[in-house]
Amino acid sequence: MAESNKNQTAAERARLKEALGSQLTDHMCASPTCPTPADRITIKELYPVVTLSPRRRTLFYHKACGPKLS
């Protein structure tokens, strides 16, 4: 069996990361202005936001639809 060099293993990790990032989650976008609110969010685009009031709750957004931090 041939040894793989560092660049080959890095490319293999990048392919694996790309494949994992394109999987769908069970979460829908919570933004009222989202163009596709009924579609599930991919892992690559998932943007979780924890709200503190009235109770600790996590809302999920697309990265493009999420709240903007200043």
PDB file of N, CA and C in Angstrom:
ATOM      1  N   MET A   1       0.835  -1.179   0.000  1.00  0.00           N
ATOM      2  CA  MET A   1       0.000   0.000   0.000  1.00  0.00           C
ATOM      3  C   MET A   1       0.887   1.252   0.000  1.00  0.00           C
ATOM      4  N   ALA A   2       0.585   2.206  -0.828  1.00  0.00           N
ATOM      5  CA  ALA A   2       1.388   3.421  -0.947  1.00  0.00           C
ATOM      6  C   ALA A   2       1.054   4.392   0.191  1.00  0.00           C
ATOM      7  N   GLU A   3       2.070   5.086   0.622  1.00  0.00           N
ATOM      8  CA  GLU A   3       1.879   6.098   1.660  1.00  0.00           C
ATOM      9  C   GLU A   3       1.243   7.343   1.025  1.00  0.00           C
ATOM     10  N   SER A   4       0.395   8.020   1.778  1.00  0.00           N
ATOM     11  CA  SER A   4      -0.172   9.262   1.264  1.00  0.00           C
ATOM     12  C   SER A   4       0.559  10.429   1.913  1.00  0.00           C
ATOM     13  N   ASN A   5       0.818  11.447   1.123  1.00  0.00           N
ATOM     14  CA  ASN A   5       1.534  12.591   1.686  1.00  0.00           C
ATOM     15  C   ASN A   5       0.547  13.563   2.334  1.00  0.00           C
ATOM     16  N   LYS A   6       1.078  14.607   2.949  1.00  0.00           N
ATOM     17  CA  LYS A   6       0.270  15.544   3.711  1.00  0.00           C
ATOM     18  C   LYS A   6      -0.777  16.245   2.841  1.00  0.00           C
ATOM     19  N   ASN A   7      -0.421  16.593   1.610  1.00  0.00           N
ATOM     20  CA  ASN A   7      -1.351  17.290   0.731  1.00  0.00           C
ATOM     21  C   ASN A   7      -2.512  16.387   0.316  1.00  0.00           C
ATOM     22  N   GLN A   8      -2.249  15.104   0.128  1.00  0.00           N
ATOM     23  CA  GLN A   8      -3.324  14.191  -0.239  1.00  0.00           C
ATOM     24  C   GLN A   8      -4.302  14.037   0.911  1.00  0.00           C
ATOM     25  N   THR A   9      -3.815  13.938   2.137  1.00  0.00           N
ATOM     26  CA  THR A   9      -4.723  13.797   3.267  1.00  0.00           C
ATOM     27  C   THR A   9      -5.496  15.090   3.504  1.00  0.00           C
ATOM     28  N   ALA A  10      -4.895  16.243   3.243  1.00  0.00           N
ATOM     29  CA  ALA A  10      -5.599  17.518   3.378  1.00  0.00           C
ATOM     30  C   ALA A  10      -6.726  17.614   2.356  1.00  0.00           C
ATOM     31  N   ALA A  11      -6.478  17.181   1.141  1.00  0.00           N
ATOM     32  CA  ALA A  11      -7.528  17.196   0.117  1.00  0.00           C
ATOM     33  C   ALA A  11      -8.650  16.233   0.492  1.00  0.00           C
ATOM     34  N   GLU A  12      -8.286  15.103   1.057  1.00  0.00           N
ATOM     35  CA  GLU A  12      -9.298  14.132   1.486  1.00  0.00           C
ATOM     36  C   GLU A  12     -10.151  14.716   2.606  1.00  0.00           C
ATOM     37  N   ARG A  13      -9.532  15.414   3.561  1.00  0.00           N
ATOM     38  CA  ARG A  13     -10.285  16.064   4.649  1.00  0.00           C
ATOM     39  C   ARG A  13     -11.195  17.158   4.096  1.00  0.00           C
ATOM     40  N   ALA A  14     -10.731  17.900   3.115  1.00  0.00           N
ATOM     41  CA  ALA A  14     -11.543  18.958   2.514  1.00  0.00           C
ATOM     42  C   ALA A  14     -12.760  18.377   1.808  1.00  0.00           C
ATOM     43  N   ARG A  15     -12.585  17.255   1.102  1.00  0.00           N
ATOM     44  CA  ARG A  15     -13.733  16.605   0.455  1.00  0.00           C
ATOM     45  C   ARG A  15     -14.741  16.108   1.485  1.00  0.00           C
ATOM     46  N   LEU A  16     -14.255  15.549   2.577  1.00  0.00           N
ATOM     47  CA  LEU A  16     -15.135  15.063   3.638  1.00  0.00           C
ATOM     48  C   LEU A  16     -15.887  16.215   4.290  1.00  0.00           C
ATOM     49  N   LYS A  17     -15.203  17.323   4.536  1.00  0.00           N
ATOM     50  CA  LYS A  17     -15.835  18.495   5.140  1.00  0.00           C
ATOM     51  C   LYS A  17     -16.911  19.065   4.215  1.00  0.00           C
ATOM     52  N   GLU A  18     -16.636  19.097   2.926  1.00  0.00           N
ATOM     53  CA  GLU A  18     -17.614  19.592   1.945  1.00  0.00           C
ATOM     54  C   GLU A  18     -18.839  18.692   1.909  1.00  0.00           C
ATOM     55  N   ALA A  19     -18.637  17.385   1.982  1.00  0.00           N
ATOM     56  CA  ALA A  19     -19.754  16.446   1.961  1.00  0.00           C
ATOM     57  C   ALA A  19     -20.602  16.579   3.225  1.00  0.00           C
ATOM     58  N   LEU A  20     -19.965  16.767   4.371  1.00  0.00           N
ATOM     59  CA  LEU A  20     -20.717  16.923   5.614  1.00  0.00           C
ATOM     60  C   LEU A  20     -21.460  18.255   5.654  1.00  0.00           C
ATOM     61  N   GLY A  21     -20.877  19.291   5.072  1.00  0.00           N
ATOM     62  CA  GLY A  21     -21.503  20.607   5.087  1.00  0.00           C
ATOM     63  C   GLY A  21     -22.728  20.710   4.205  1.00  0.00           C
ATOM     64  N   SER A  22     -22.873  19.813   3.245  1.00  0.00           N
ATOM     65  CA  SER A  22     -24.020  19.894   2.338  1.00  0.00           C
ATOM     66  C   SER A  22     -25.207  19.049   2.809  1.00  0.00           C
ATOM     67  N   GLN A  23     -25.102  18.439   3.984  1.00  0.00           N
ATOM     68  CA  GLN A  23     -26.216  17.650   4.510  1.00  0.00           C
ATOM     69  C   GLN A  23     -27.284  18.565   5.079  1.00  0.00           C
ATOM     70  N   LEU A  24     -28.537  18.149   4.961  1.00  0.00           N
ATOM     71  CA  LEU A  24     -29.648  18.931   5.481  1.00  0.00           C
ATOM     72  C   LEU A  24     -29.843  18.662   6.970  1.00  0.00           C
ATOM     73  N   THR A  25     -30.231  19.712   7.710  1.00  0.00           N
ATOM     74  CA  THR A  25     -30.571  19.563   9.115  1.00  0.00           C
ATOM     75  C   THR A  25     -32.089  19.478   9.237  1.00  0.00           C
ATOM     76  N   ASP A  26     -32.594  19.319  10.444  1.00  0.00           N
ATOM     77  CA  ASP A  26     -34.044  19.297  10.674  1.00  0.00           C
ATOM     78  C   ASP A  26     -34.586  20.692  10.967  1.00  0.00           C
ATOM     79  N   HIS A  27     -33.755  21.719  10.882  1.00  0.00           N
ATOM     80  CA  HIS A  27     -34.143  23.072  11.273  1.00  0.00           C
ATOM     81  C   HIS A  27     -34.639  23.887  10.084  1.00  0.00           C
ATOM     82  N   MET A  28     -35.607  24.758  10.362  1.00  0.00           N
ATOM     83  CA  MET A  28     -36.145  25.705   9.383  1.00  0.00           C
ATOM     84  C   MET A  28     -35.706  27.119   9.790  1.00  0.00           C
ATOM     85  N   CYS A  29     -35.665  28.028   8.850  1.00  0.00           N
ATOM     86  CA  CYS A  29     -35.245  29.396   9.115  1.00  0.00           C
ATOM     87  C   CYS A  29     -36.340  30.146   9.875  1.00  0.00           C
ATOM     88  N   ALA A  30     -35.942  30.852  10.940  1.00  0.00           N
ATOM     89  CA  ALA A  30     -36.889  31.583  11.785  1.00  0.00           C
ATOM     90  C   ALA A  30     -37.068  33.030  11.355  1.00  0.00           C
ATOM     91  N   SER A  31     -36.388  33.455  10.317  1.00  0.00           N
ATOM     92  CA  SER A  31     -36.478  34.838   9.874  1.00  0.00           C
ATOM     93  C   SER A  31     -37.797  35.095   9.150  1.00  0.00           C
ATOM     94  N   PRO A  32     -38.500  36.196   9.492  1.00  0.00           N
ATOM     95  CA  PRO A  32     -39.742  36.518   8.780  1.00  0.00           C
ATOM     96  C   PRO A  32     -39.505  36.984   7.344  1.00  0.00           C
ATOM     97  N   THR A  33     -38.298  37.397   7.019  1.00  0.00           N
ATOM     98  CA  THR A  33     -37.998  37.881   5.670  1.00  0.00           C
ATOM     99  C   THR A  33     -37.273  36.848   4.821  1.00  0.00           C
ATOM    100  N   CYS A  34     -37.192  35.618   5.272  1.00  0.00           N
ATOM    101  CA  CYS A  34     -36.495  34.573   4.530  1.00  0.00           C
ATOM    102  C   CYS A  34     -37.254  34.238   3.245  1.00  0.00           C
ATOM    103  N   PRO A  35     -36.559  34.142   2.108  1.00  0.00           N
ATOM    104  CA  PRO A  35     -37.239  33.798   0.858  1.00  0.00           C
ATOM    105  C   PRO A  35     -37.689  32.337   0.798  1.00  0.00           C
ATOM    106  N   THR A  36     -37.063  31.461   1.577  1.00  0.00           N
ATOM    107  CA  THR A  36     -37.438  30.040   1.593  1.00  0.00           C
ATOM    108  C   THR A  36     -37.595  29.560   3.040  1.00  0.00           C
ATOM    109  N   PRO A  37     -38.622  30.019   3.764  1.00  0.00           N
ATOM    110  CA  PRO A  37     -38.740  29.658   5.179  1.00  0.00           C
ATOM    111  C   PRO A  37     -39.133  28.200   5.422  1.00  0.00           C
ATOM    112  N   ALA A  38     -39.749  27.553   4.466  1.00  0.00           N
ATOM    113  CA  ALA A  38     -40.213  26.177   4.665  1.00  0.00           C
ATOM    114  C   ALA A  38     -39.149  25.143   4.298  1.00  0.00           C
ATOM    115  N   ASP A  39     -38.037  25.575   3.709  1.00  0.00           N
ATOM    116  CA  ASP A  39     -36.975  24.643   3.330  1.00  0.00           C
ATOM    117  C   ASP A  39     -36.041  24.393   4.505  1.00  0.00           C
ATOM    118  N   ARG A  40     -35.515  23.175   4.572  1.00  0.00           N
ATOM    119  CA  ARG A  40     -34.563  22.846   5.628  1.00  0.00           C
ATOM    120  C   ARG A  40     -33.218  23.500   5.340  1.00  0.00           C
ATOM    121  N   ILE A  41     -32.453  23.773   6.394  1.00  0.00           N
ATOM    122  CA  ILE A  41     -31.176  24.473   6.281  1.00  0.00           C
ATOM    123  C   ILE A  41     -30.047  23.451   6.207  1.00  0.00           C
ATOM    124  N   THR A  42     -29.088  23.661   5.302  1.00  0.00           N
ATOM    125  CA  THR A  42     -27.914  22.786   5.252  1.00  0.00           C
ATOM    126  C   THR A  42     -26.974  23.140   6.404  1.00  0.00           C
ATOM    127  N   ILE A  43     -26.119  22.216   6.770  1.00  0.00           N
ATOM    128  CA  ILE A  43     -25.195  22.434   7.885  1.00  0.00           C
ATOM    129  C   ILE A  43     -24.263  23.601   7.588  1.00  0.00           C
ATOM    130  N   LYS A  44     -23.869  23.762   6.329  1.00  0.00           N
ATOM    131  CA  LYS A  44     -22.961  24.832   5.933  1.00  0.00           C
ATOM    132  C   LYS A  44     -23.596  26.215   6.144  1.00  0.00           C
ATOM    133  N   GLU A  45     -24.914  26.330   5.997  1.00  0.00           N
ATOM    134  CA  GLU A  45     -25.594  27.613   6.107  1.00  0.00           C
ATOM    135  C   GLU A  45     -26.257  27.835   7.455  1.00  0.00           C
ATOM    136  N   LEU A  46     -26.155  26.888   8.370  1.00  0.00           N
ATOM    137  CA  LEU A  46     -26.839  26.973   9.661  1.00  0.00           C
ATOM    138  C   LEU A  46     -26.221  28.052  10.539  1.00  0.00           C
ATOM    139  N   TYR A  47     -27.071  28.908  11.124  1.00  0.00           N
ATOM    140  CA  TYR A  47     -26.638  29.999  11.995  1.00  0.00           C
ATOM    141  C   TYR A  47     -27.512  29.990  13.243  1.00  0.00           C
ATOM    142  N   PRO A  48     -27.104  29.289  14.321  1.00  0.00           N
ATOM    143  CA  PRO A  48     -27.915  29.238  15.533  1.00  0.00           C
ATOM    144  C   PRO A  48     -27.742  30.497  16.378  1.00  0.00           C
ATOM    145  N   VAL A  49     -28.848  30.994  16.940  1.00  0.00           N
ATOM    146  CA  VAL A  49     -28.832  32.176  17.798  1.00  0.00           C
ATOM    147  C   VAL A  49     -29.570  31.833  19.082  1.00  0.00           C
ATOM    148  N   VAL A  50     -28.920  32.035  20.225  1.00  0.00           N
ATOM    149  CA  VAL A  50     -29.536  31.754  21.514  1.00  0.00           C
ATOM    150  C   VAL A  50     -30.151  33.040  22.029  1.00  0.00           C
ATOM    151  N   THR A  51     -31.454  33.004  22.308  1.00  0.00           N
ATOM    152  CA  THR A  51     -32.139  34.156  22.887  1.00  0.00           C
ATOM    153  C   THR A  51     -32.194  33.970  24.400  1.00  0.00           C
ATOM    154  N   LEU A  52     -32.061  35.047  25.139  1.00  0.00           N
ATOM    155  CA  LEU A  52     -32.028  34.962  26.593  1.00  0.00           C
ATOM    156  C   LEU A  52     -33.340  35.339  27.243  1.00  0.00           C
ATOM    157  N   SER A  53     -34.179  36.094  26.567  1.00  0.00           N
ATOM    158  CA  SER A  53     -35.448  36.458  27.184  1.00  0.00           C
ATOM    159  C   SER A  53     -36.578  36.127  26.224  1.00  0.00           C
ATOM    160  N   PRO A  54     -37.701  35.687  26.622  1.00  0.00           N
ATOM    161  CA  PRO A  54     -38.138  35.448  28.001  1.00  0.00           C
ATOM    162  C   PRO A  54     -37.560  34.167  28.599  1.00  0.00           C
ATOM    163  N   ARG A  55     -37.100  33.256  27.750  1.00  0.00           N
ATOM    164  CA  ARG A  55     -36.425  32.061  28.259  1.00  0.00           C
ATOM    165  C   ARG A  55     -35.302  31.706  27.298  1.00  0.00           C
ATOM    166  N   ARG A  56     -34.394  30.888  27.757  1.00  0.00           N
ATOM    167  CA  ARG A  56     -33.245  30.517  26.921  1.00  0.00           C
ATOM    168  C   ARG A  56     -33.718  29.588  25.808  1.00  0.00           C
ATOM    169  N   ARG A  57     -33.685  30.081  24.585  1.00  0.00           N
ATOM    170  CA  ARG A  57     -34.194  29.349  23.439  1.00  0.00           C
ATOM    171  C   ARG A  57     -33.266  29.562  22.254  1.00  0.00           C
ATOM    172  N   THR A  58     -33.081  28.537  21.460  1.00  0.00           N
ATOM    173  CA  THR A  58     -32.213  28.650  20.284  1.00  0.00           C
ATOM    174  C   THR A  58     -33.067  28.747  19.025  1.00  0.00           C
ATOM    175  N   LEU A  59     -32.819  29.789  18.243  1.00  0.00           N
ATOM    176  CA  LEU A  59     -33.472  29.970  16.955  1.00  0.00           C
ATOM    177  C   LEU A  59     -32.440  29.707  15.871  1.00  0.00           C
ATOM    178  N   PHE A  60     -32.885  29.177  14.746  1.00  0.00           N
ATOM    179  CA  PHE A  60     -31.969  28.824  13.668  1.00  0.00           C
ATOM    180  C   PHE A  60     -32.300  29.648  12.429  1.00  0.00           C
ATOM    181  N   TYR A  61     -31.259  30.144  11.768  1.00  0.00           N
ATOM    182  CA  TYR A  61     -31.388  30.978  10.578  1.00  0.00           C
ATOM    183  C   TYR A  61     -30.424  30.468   9.511  1.00  0.00           C
ATOM    184  N   HIS A  62     -30.681  30.891   8.259  1.00  0.00           N
ATOM    185  CA  HIS A  62     -29.652  30.786   7.234  1.00  0.00           C
ATOM    186  C   HIS A  62     -28.611  31.854   7.569  1.00  0.00           C
ATOM    187  N   LYS A  63     -27.375  31.684   7.149  1.00  0.00           N
ATOM    188  CA  LYS A  63     -26.359  32.703   7.426  1.00  0.00           C
ATOM    189  C   LYS A  63     -26.742  34.046   6.807  1.00  0.00           C
ATOM    190  N   ALA A  64     -27.383  34.023   5.660  1.00  0.00           N
ATOM    191  CA  ALA A  64     -27.762  35.283   4.993  1.00  0.00           C
ATOM    192  C   ALA A  64     -28.987  35.933   5.648  1.00  0.00           C
ATOM    193  N   CYS A  65     -29.824  35.153   6.329  1.00  0.00           N
ATOM    194  CA  CYS A  65     -31.062  35.671   6.913  1.00  0.00           C
ATOM    195  C   CYS A  65     -30.920  36.044   8.381  1.00  0.00           C
ATOM    196  N   GLY A  66     -29.866  35.627   9.022  1.00  0.00           N
ATOM    197  CA  GLY A  66     -29.704  35.828  10.462  1.00  0.00           C
ATOM    198  C   GLY A  66     -29.590  37.278  10.853  1.00  0.00           C
ATOM    199  N   PRO A  67     -29.715  37.548  12.157  1.00  0.00           N
ATOM    200  CA  PRO A  67     -29.594  38.931  12.627  1.00  0.00           C
ATOM    201  C   PRO A  67     -28.183  39.454  12.412  1.00  0.00           C
ATOM    202  N   LYS A  68     -28.093  40.709  12.047  1.00  0.00           N
ATOM    203  CA  LYS A  68     -26.795  41.329  11.777  1.00  0.00           C
ATOM    204  C   LYS A  68     -26.223  41.893  13.075  1.00  0.00           C
ATOM    205  N   LEU A  69     -24.982  41.556  13.356  1.00  0.00           N
ATOM    206  CA  LEU A  69     -24.309  42.084  14.537  1.00  0.00           C
ATOM    207  C   LEU A  69     -23.543  43.331  14.147  1.00  0.00           C
ATOM    208  N   SER A  70     -23.613  44.337  15.001  1.00  0.00           N
ATOM    209  CA  SER A  70     -22.899  45.576  14.663  1.00  0.00           C
ATOM    210  C   SER A  70     -21.591  45.693  15.375  1.00  0.00           C
TER     211      SER A  70
END
